[in-house]
Each structure stands twice: as C-alpha cells, then as structure tokens.
Amino acid sequence: MHPGPVPRSRHESPAGKPLRGAPRLRIAAASCCGLAWHARGASAAPAHDALSPAGVQASHIFSLWTLTLTVCSLVFAAVLIALLVAMTRAPRANRDARPDLSPLERPEKRVGRVVGGAAAVSVVLLFGLLLADVATDRALSRLPVADAVHLEMTGHQWWWEARYADDAPGSGFAVANELHIPVGRPVVIALKADDVIHTFWVPNLHGKKDMIPGRQSTIEFRADRAGAYRGQCAEFCGLEHALMAFTVVAEPPAQYDAWVARQRAPAPQPANALQAQGERLFTTGNCAGCHTVRGTSAHGVLGPDLTHVMSRPMLGAGTFENTPANLESWIKAPGSMKPGTTMPASQLSAQDLNALVAWIGTLQ
C-alpha cells in the first residue's frame, strides 16, 4: 500500500510531463488553505487553525501575528482617513481652470511637517515590528527540551513516516501519517525528505519547517492542551501534495505511554482459518515487498509500516476513513482513490481479497 510515486522533478508528473496550471493551482490552494482534509468520507477533521494555538511555540507566533495585524490595520486605516480628508478638502476646478503652482514657490510647511511626522511614525512602527520578530525568534529557540520525546519524521511522496527512538534496544517502532505526543512534554523531531522538498506544518503547535533531501533539520514544540491537530505538507511536492496530511494526537502522559506500549507490540496471531489465509497471502505476495508487519516475515521498507494500521483513523495520508470497505477498495484499485500512487492494483480473487482484508483488520 505504498502511496506515492517519484516524479522526475518537483513540478513534473509521473510521466515526466509538466503539470498543467489548473491542477497545480487547485492542488496547491487546497493544501495551503487546509482543504485536503475534505478527504473522501472524512467525518471529523482535526483542528487546523493557526489562530487557535495549543502550545507555547504556537502562542509566540500567534502573539507576533496579532501585533503585526494590529499595527498594519491601524496604518491602513490612517492612510485611508488621510486620503478621504485630502479628497474632501481639495478645491474643485473646471476644465478651464489654470493649475495652482503656488506651492512650488511657497513650500507648505504644515504639509511637510505632517508628511515628516508620518514617515517618522512609520519608521518607529517598522523598527518595533522588527524587534518583536527578533524577540519571537529568540523565544522559539529557548524551549526547554529536557526529558523530550525524540522521533524522526520523513516525508515521502505522498505520506509521512514517523519513527520513535529506542528507549531500550529493539524497542523502537514506526507509524505512518499519525503522531502521538504527551501533553506538557517537549517533542524534538528530526525532519528528513526521501525524495523532494516537503514542509512540516502543524499550525496549532508551531510554524513551518522545510524538509530538504540530503539534509536533516529539527523542530521542537510542546502541546499544552490535549486534542487532535491536523498537519499538512506546506510545500508543493507533486501530484498528490494536497492529499498529504497527518494527525498529531496530544494526550495525557498515561494515555501516551499506553499507546506506545501497544505500538511496540507485534501483530497478533490469526484467530481463524480465514485470517491465517490472509496473513499467508500478505507475507508470500507482493505486499511484503513494500510493507513491514512486525511479528511476521514481512519486512518491506518502501511503504508504511502496517503492524497496527487499523488503529489509525485515516488511510492514504488523510485521504479517506479507515474502514474495511475503504481498505478493500484501496487494495483493489488504489489509483482510483488517490491518483498518482505507485501501489499497483490487486489481482486477487474476491475470496483471497476477503481473506486479506480480514487479516489486516486484526492489525489493531
């Protein structure tokens, strides 16, 4: 179920042809406005709102944005008022009236003082915004990271891979398109890109951070309020850029620890003959060449780790709800649900497909 191809460049289709303007604008606008979560069948979208900060980093950015908006709004209003006053007080003239050139001989000192004062105020306001920007940047870099959760996030075309660091040898694990973090505890994420430039963005928790192939950067934040927050790739990265979302679930420490314990566990054993047939089809067929399911012989690395795939609310990087019906449709014809994916369509019979879906359904 690998969800994405690698175009020849960031602005070419899988066939190597430039993307046409209309689809490109449609995709880019959808993602930037947070519309990718219109995801087919999505019933409840996590919050995706830069104006509703849920962490200290996002609060700093929101305060700077509020100050900037206030200053710019007041300046804009002042300019409009000055324009209206000038238009109201300007003398009326007809076509035959001669131009008034007297100000060239007699400088208008009052007007000069007003313009000079306005310029001085503008300089002061701009300098104040510069200081506020520097202060915000310093505040963002001073987040205490003692006892932080460390993980690695890799952007692929078009899905997200998160690997949680080993607290003990062999205890690390990977998830796809979903992060769980404890409330009140800092998180340090190492950001990587597997193919083209992506951008990590969870506006409720922090600003944007680019993910550049061949380079590693980090982003640090802390969630101070429990909830589910939507993340999105904010850099156009190919055909399905708009459908490249993920969810950050901030939960109390006890719930987070319980989630980690469940994720570290291997896949359960089949409970009946139908599920055993599904596991055999998965591990001996093409699925195992791309996907890992811990506890089985499947150790593929091209696609998402599916060990606990059915515990995730969405499939296809936020494209559609994780239900047995959608899962079956995805396996049969993934290209019809997410055009551009490189996962091939299934050639399984209806009986084998039913067995495969039954077994995958146990991967909680």
Foldseek 3Di string as FASTA:
>chain_A
DAFFDFPPAQQAAVVNHGDDDVLLVVLLVCQVVVNLLVFVADDDDFAQDLCAAQFPASVLVNVLVVLVVVVVVVVVVVVVVVVVVCVVPPDDDDPPDDDDPVCVVPPDVVVVVVVVVVVVVVVVSVVVSVVSVVVSVVVQVPDDQPPAFEWEWEQERAWIKIWGDDPDPLLIFIFIQEAEDEAPHKYKYKYAYDHAKWWKQFSNWHGIDIHGHPDIDIHMTHGNDFTKTKIATNDRRHSNRSLRIGIYGYYHPVVSVVVSVLRSDFADDDPDDLLVLLLCCCQPHPNLCAEAGPPDNRDHPNRGHLLQVLVDQDPSSSNHGDDLVVVLVCQQCVCVSGPRTPRDHDPDDPSNSVSNSVNSNRSD
